[in-house]
Amino acid sequence: MFSARKFLDSDVGVGLLMASAIVEVAQQSKARRKDDFLIAFSPVIAEATATAYKGATNEVQQKLRRVVEVWRARQIFEVPIQEAIESRIDGTITRLF
């Protein structure tokens, strides 16, 4: 089972790698019309992304922003979740659940 706490406690480099992996898994989930992963991860994605972003260098922050833009362009997450992610990395805390 996926451990959200482990992700939140990881260092930024690992967080960025994990964000990239999330994109791949999420895209495959959508392509196969199996939303289990997206449903399970949606409650923590905004907080996890903000945590990785907050502790990152400017270069890593820009890469993470690009990942978030890819999520939006590919409609990986539902609009409220995507907006919460973007809001968190822009500094405005939004509670999803």
N, C-alpha and C. Protein backbone atom coordinates (compact mmCIF):
# COMPACT_ATOMS: atom_id res chain seq x y z
N MET A 1 0.84 -1.18 0.00
CA MET A 1 0.00 0.00 0.00
C MET A 1 0.88 1.24 0.00
N PHE A 2 0.46 2.26 -0.68
CA PHE A 2 1.18 3.53 -0.77
C PHE A 2 1.18 4.22 0.58
N SER A 3 2.33 4.73 0.98
CA SER A 3 2.45 5.44 2.25
C SER A 3 2.60 6.93 1.99
N ALA A 4 1.53 7.68 2.19
CA ALA A 4 1.55 9.13 1.99
C ALA A 4 2.54 9.78 2.95
N ARG A 5 2.59 9.30 4.18
CA ARG A 5 3.50 9.89 5.17
C ARG A 5 4.95 9.73 4.73
N LYS A 6 5.29 8.58 4.20
CA LYS A 6 6.65 8.35 3.74
C LYS A 6 7.00 9.33 2.62
N PHE A 7 6.05 9.55 1.72
CA PHE A 7 6.26 10.51 0.64
C PHE A 7 6.46 11.91 1.20
N LEU A 8 5.62 12.30 2.14
CA LEU A 8 5.71 13.64 2.71
C LEU A 8 7.02 13.86 3.46
N ASP A 9 7.58 12.80 4.03
CA ASP A 9 8.82 12.91 4.80
C ASP A 9 10.08 12.75 3.95
N SER A 10 9.94 12.43 2.69
CA SER A 10 11.11 12.20 1.85
C SER A 10 11.81 13.51 1.49
N ASP A 11 13.07 13.39 1.07
CA ASP A 11 13.76 14.62 0.68
C ASP A 11 13.24 15.08 -0.68
N VAL A 12 13.56 16.31 -1.03
CA VAL A 12 12.99 16.94 -2.21
C VAL A 12 13.34 16.20 -3.50
N GLY A 13 14.57 15.74 -3.63
CA GLY A 13 14.96 15.02 -4.84
C GLY A 13 14.12 13.79 -5.04
N VAL A 14 13.94 13.06 -3.98
CA VAL A 14 13.10 11.87 -4.05
C VAL A 14 11.65 12.29 -4.33
N GLY A 15 11.23 13.39 -3.73
CA GLY A 15 9.87 13.89 -3.96
C GLY A 15 9.63 14.23 -5.42
N LEU A 16 10.62 14.86 -6.04
CA LEU A 16 10.48 15.20 -7.45
C LEU A 16 10.45 13.96 -8.33
N LEU A 17 11.31 13.00 -8.02
CA LEU A 17 11.29 11.74 -8.75
C LEU A 17 9.95 11.04 -8.57
N MET A 18 9.45 11.09 -7.36
CA MET A 18 8.17 10.46 -7.09
C MET A 18 7.04 11.17 -7.86
N ALA A 19 7.12 12.50 -7.94
CA ALA A 19 6.11 13.24 -8.70
C ALA A 19 6.11 12.80 -10.16
N SER A 20 7.29 12.60 -10.72
CA SER A 20 7.37 12.12 -12.09
C SER A 20 6.78 10.72 -12.22
N ALA A 21 7.05 9.87 -11.24
CA ALA A 21 6.49 8.52 -11.26
C ALA A 21 4.97 8.58 -11.14
N ILE A 22 4.48 9.50 -10.31
CA ILE A 22 3.04 9.66 -10.15
C ILE A 22 2.39 10.01 -11.48
N VAL A 23 3.04 10.90 -12.24
CA VAL A 23 2.51 11.27 -13.55
C VAL A 23 2.36 10.03 -14.42
N GLU A 24 3.40 9.23 -14.46
CA GLU A 24 3.37 8.03 -15.31
C GLU A 24 2.28 7.05 -14.87
N VAL A 25 2.24 6.77 -13.58
CA VAL A 25 1.24 5.82 -13.07
C VAL A 25 -0.17 6.38 -13.27
N ALA A 26 -0.34 7.68 -13.01
CA ALA A 26 -1.65 8.28 -13.17
C ALA A 26 -2.10 8.24 -14.63
N GLN A 27 -1.19 8.53 -15.55
CA GLN A 27 -1.55 8.48 -16.96
C GLN A 27 -1.93 7.06 -17.39
N GLN A 28 -1.19 6.08 -16.92
CA GLN A 28 -1.51 4.70 -17.24
C GLN A 28 -2.85 4.29 -16.64
N SER A 29 -3.12 4.77 -15.43
CA SER A 29 -4.40 4.49 -14.78
C SER A 29 -5.55 5.05 -15.60
N LYS A 30 -5.40 6.30 -16.04
CA LYS A 30 -6.44 6.92 -16.86
C LYS A 30 -6.61 6.19 -18.19
N ALA A 31 -5.48 5.85 -18.81
CA ALA A 31 -5.54 5.20 -20.12
C ALA A 31 -6.25 3.85 -20.03
N ARG A 32 -6.08 3.18 -18.91
CA ARG A 32 -6.70 1.86 -18.73
C ARG A 32 -8.06 1.94 -18.05
N ARG A 33 -8.49 3.17 -17.77
CA ARG A 33 -9.77 3.43 -17.12
C ARG A 33 -9.86 2.72 -15.76
N LYS A 34 -8.76 2.70 -15.06
CA LYS A 34 -8.71 2.12 -13.71
C LYS A 34 -8.26 3.24 -12.77
N ASP A 35 -9.19 3.82 -12.07
CA ASP A 35 -8.94 5.02 -11.29
C ASP A 35 -8.57 4.76 -9.83
N ASP A 36 -8.26 3.52 -9.46
CA ASP A 36 -7.95 3.20 -8.06
C ASP A 36 -6.81 4.06 -7.52
N PHE A 37 -5.73 4.17 -8.30
CA PHE A 37 -4.59 4.95 -7.85
C PHE A 37 -4.97 6.42 -7.68
N LEU A 38 -5.64 6.98 -8.66
CA LEU A 38 -6.01 8.40 -8.58
C LEU A 38 -6.92 8.67 -7.40
N ILE A 39 -7.86 7.79 -7.16
CA ILE A 39 -8.77 7.95 -6.02
C ILE A 39 -7.99 7.86 -4.71
N ALA A 40 -7.10 6.90 -4.61
CA ALA A 40 -6.33 6.72 -3.38
C ALA A 40 -5.37 7.87 -3.12
N PHE A 41 -4.77 8.42 -4.15
CA PHE A 41 -3.74 9.43 -3.97
C PHE A 41 -4.28 10.86 -3.92
N SER A 42 -5.45 11.10 -4.46
CA SER A 42 -6.02 12.45 -4.53
C SER A 42 -6.04 13.20 -3.20
N PRO A 43 -6.38 12.56 -2.08
CA PRO A 43 -6.43 13.32 -0.82
C PRO A 43 -5.09 13.88 -0.36
N VAL A 44 -3.97 13.35 -0.82
CA VAL A 44 -2.68 13.81 -0.31
C VAL A 44 -1.79 14.48 -1.36
N ILE A 45 -2.21 14.49 -2.61
CA ILE A 45 -1.33 15.01 -3.66
C ILE A 45 -1.00 16.48 -3.46
N ALA A 46 -1.95 17.30 -3.06
CA ALA A 46 -1.67 18.73 -2.90
C ALA A 46 -0.65 18.97 -1.80
N GLU A 47 -0.82 18.32 -0.66
CA GLU A 47 0.11 18.48 0.46
C GLU A 47 1.48 17.92 0.11
N ALA A 48 1.52 16.77 -0.53
CA ALA A 48 2.79 16.15 -0.89
C ALA A 48 3.56 17.03 -1.88
N THR A 49 2.86 17.57 -2.85
CA THR A 49 3.50 18.44 -3.84
C THR A 49 4.03 19.70 -3.18
N ALA A 50 3.22 20.31 -2.31
CA ALA A 50 3.65 21.53 -1.61
C ALA A 50 4.86 21.27 -0.73
N THR A 51 4.90 20.12 -0.08
CA THR A 51 6.03 19.78 0.78
C THR A 51 7.31 19.64 -0.04
N ALA A 52 7.23 18.95 -1.16
CA ALA A 52 8.39 18.80 -2.03
C ALA A 52 8.83 20.16 -2.57
N TYR A 53 7.87 20.99 -2.94
CA TYR A 53 8.15 22.29 -3.53
C TYR A 53 8.80 23.23 -2.52
N LYS A 54 8.27 23.25 -1.31
CA LYS A 54 8.72 24.20 -0.28
C LYS A 54 10.20 24.05 0.04
N GLY A 55 10.70 22.84 0.11
CA GLY A 55 12.08 22.63 0.49
C GLY A 55 13.06 22.57 -0.68
N ALA A 56 12.59 22.84 -1.87
CA ALA A 56 13.41 22.65 -3.07
C ALA A 56 14.20 23.90 -3.44
N THR A 57 15.25 23.67 -4.21
CA THR A 57 15.98 24.78 -4.81
C THR A 57 15.10 25.40 -5.89
N ASN A 58 15.49 26.59 -6.35
CA ASN A 58 14.73 27.25 -7.41
C ASN A 58 14.63 26.38 -8.66
N GLU A 59 15.72 25.72 -9.01
CA GLU A 59 15.73 24.85 -10.19
C GLU A 59 14.74 23.70 -10.05
N VAL A 60 14.74 23.06 -8.90
CA VAL A 60 13.81 21.95 -8.67
C VAL A 60 12.38 22.46 -8.61
N GLN A 61 12.17 23.63 -8.02
CA GLN A 61 10.82 24.21 -7.98
C GLN A 61 10.28 24.41 -9.40
N GLN A 62 11.12 24.91 -10.29
CA GLN A 62 10.68 25.12 -11.68
C GLN A 62 10.33 23.79 -12.35
N LYS A 63 11.11 22.77 -12.07
CA LYS A 63 10.81 21.45 -12.64
C LYS A 63 9.50 20.90 -12.07
N LEU A 64 9.31 21.10 -10.78
CA LEU A 64 8.08 20.63 -10.16
C LEU A 64 6.87 21.39 -10.70
N ARG A 65 7.02 22.69 -10.92
CA ARG A 65 5.94 23.47 -11.54
C ARG A 65 5.61 22.90 -12.92
N ARG A 66 6.62 22.51 -13.65
CA ARG A 66 6.39 21.93 -14.98
C ARG A 66 5.60 20.63 -14.87
N VAL A 67 5.93 19.81 -13.88
CA VAL A 67 5.18 18.58 -13.65
C VAL A 67 3.72 18.91 -13.38
N VAL A 68 3.46 19.91 -12.56
CA VAL A 68 2.09 20.31 -12.23
C VAL A 68 1.37 20.83 -13.48
N GLU A 69 2.09 21.55 -14.33
CA GLU A 69 1.50 22.00 -15.60
C GLU A 69 1.13 20.82 -16.49
N VAL A 70 1.98 19.80 -16.50
CA VAL A 70 1.69 18.59 -17.29
C VAL A 70 0.43 17.93 -16.74
N TRP A 71 0.31 17.86 -15.40
CA TRP A 71 -0.90 17.28 -14.81
C TRP A 71 -2.14 18.02 -15.29
N ARG A 72 -2.06 19.37 -15.32
CA ARG A 72 -3.21 20.15 -15.77
C ARG A 72 -3.50 19.88 -17.24
N ALA A 73 -2.47 19.97 -18.08
CA ALA A 73 -2.65 19.79 -19.52
C ALA A 73 -3.23 18.42 -19.86
N ARG A 74 -2.82 17.42 -19.12
CA ARG A 74 -3.28 16.05 -19.40
C ARG A 74 -4.49 15.66 -18.57
N GLN A 75 -4.98 16.60 -17.76
CA GLN A 75 -6.16 16.39 -16.92
C GLN A 75 -6.02 15.12 -16.08
N ILE A 76 -4.88 15.02 -15.41
CA ILE A 76 -4.59 13.85 -14.60
C ILE A 76 -5.53 13.79 -13.38
N PHE A 77 -5.70 14.92 -12.72
CA PHE A 77 -6.55 14.98 -11.53
C PHE A 77 -7.78 15.83 -11.83
N GLU A 78 -8.82 15.63 -11.05
CA GLU A 78 -10.02 16.44 -11.19
C GLU A 78 -9.67 17.90 -10.92
N VAL A 79 -10.45 18.81 -11.48
CA VAL A 79 -10.17 20.25 -11.39
C VAL A 79 -9.97 20.73 -9.95
N PRO A 80 -10.83 20.38 -8.98
CA PRO A 80 -10.60 20.89 -7.62
C PRO A 80 -9.26 20.43 -7.03
N ILE A 81 -8.85 19.23 -7.36
CA ILE A 81 -7.57 18.71 -6.86
C ILE A 81 -6.42 19.45 -7.53
N GLN A 82 -6.51 19.62 -8.83
CA GLN A 82 -5.48 20.36 -9.57
C GLN A 82 -5.35 21.79 -9.03
N GLU A 83 -6.47 22.43 -8.79
CA GLU A 83 -6.45 23.79 -8.26
C GLU A 83 -5.85 23.84 -6.86
N ALA A 84 -6.12 22.84 -6.05
CA ALA A 84 -5.54 22.78 -4.71
C ALA A 84 -4.03 22.62 -4.79
N ILE A 85 -3.57 21.80 -5.72
CA ILE A 85 -2.12 21.61 -5.91
C ILE A 85 -1.47 22.94 -6.27
N GLU A 86 -2.03 23.61 -7.27
CA GLU A 86 -1.47 24.87 -7.72
C GLU A 86 -1.54 25.94 -6.64
N SER A 87 -2.62 25.96 -5.91
CA SER A 87 -2.79 26.91 -4.82
C SER A 87 -1.74 26.70 -3.74
N ARG A 88 -1.49 25.45 -3.42
CA ARG A 88 -0.50 25.14 -2.38
C ARG A 88 0.90 25.57 -2.80
N ILE A 89 1.29 25.31 -4.02
CA ILE A 89 2.64 25.69 -4.41
C ILE A 89 2.76 27.20 -4.63
N ASP A 90 1.65 27.87 -4.81
CA ASP A 90 1.66 29.33 -4.90
C ASP A 90 1.61 29.98 -3.52
N GLY A 91 1.51 29.16 -2.47
CA GLY A 91 1.57 29.69 -1.12
C GLY A 91 0.24 29.82 -0.42
N THR A 92 -0.85 29.51 -1.08
CA THR A 92 -2.15 29.59 -0.46
C THR A 92 -2.59 28.19 -0.09
N ILE A 93 -2.76 27.94 1.19
CA ILE A 93 -3.14 26.61 1.67
C ILE A 93 -4.65 26.41 1.49
N THR A 94 -4.99 25.32 0.83
CA THR A 94 -6.38 24.96 0.61
C THR A 94 -6.58 23.55 1.13
N ARG A 95 -7.59 23.34 1.92
CA ARG A 95 -7.90 22.00 2.44
C ARG A 95 -8.82 21.30 1.47
N LEU A 96 -8.44 20.09 1.08
CA LEU A 96 -9.26 19.29 0.17
C LEU A 96 -10.28 18.46 0.95
N PHE A 97 -9.80 17.78 1.97
CA PHE A 97 -10.65 16.82 2.66
C PHE A 97 -10.58 17.06 4.15
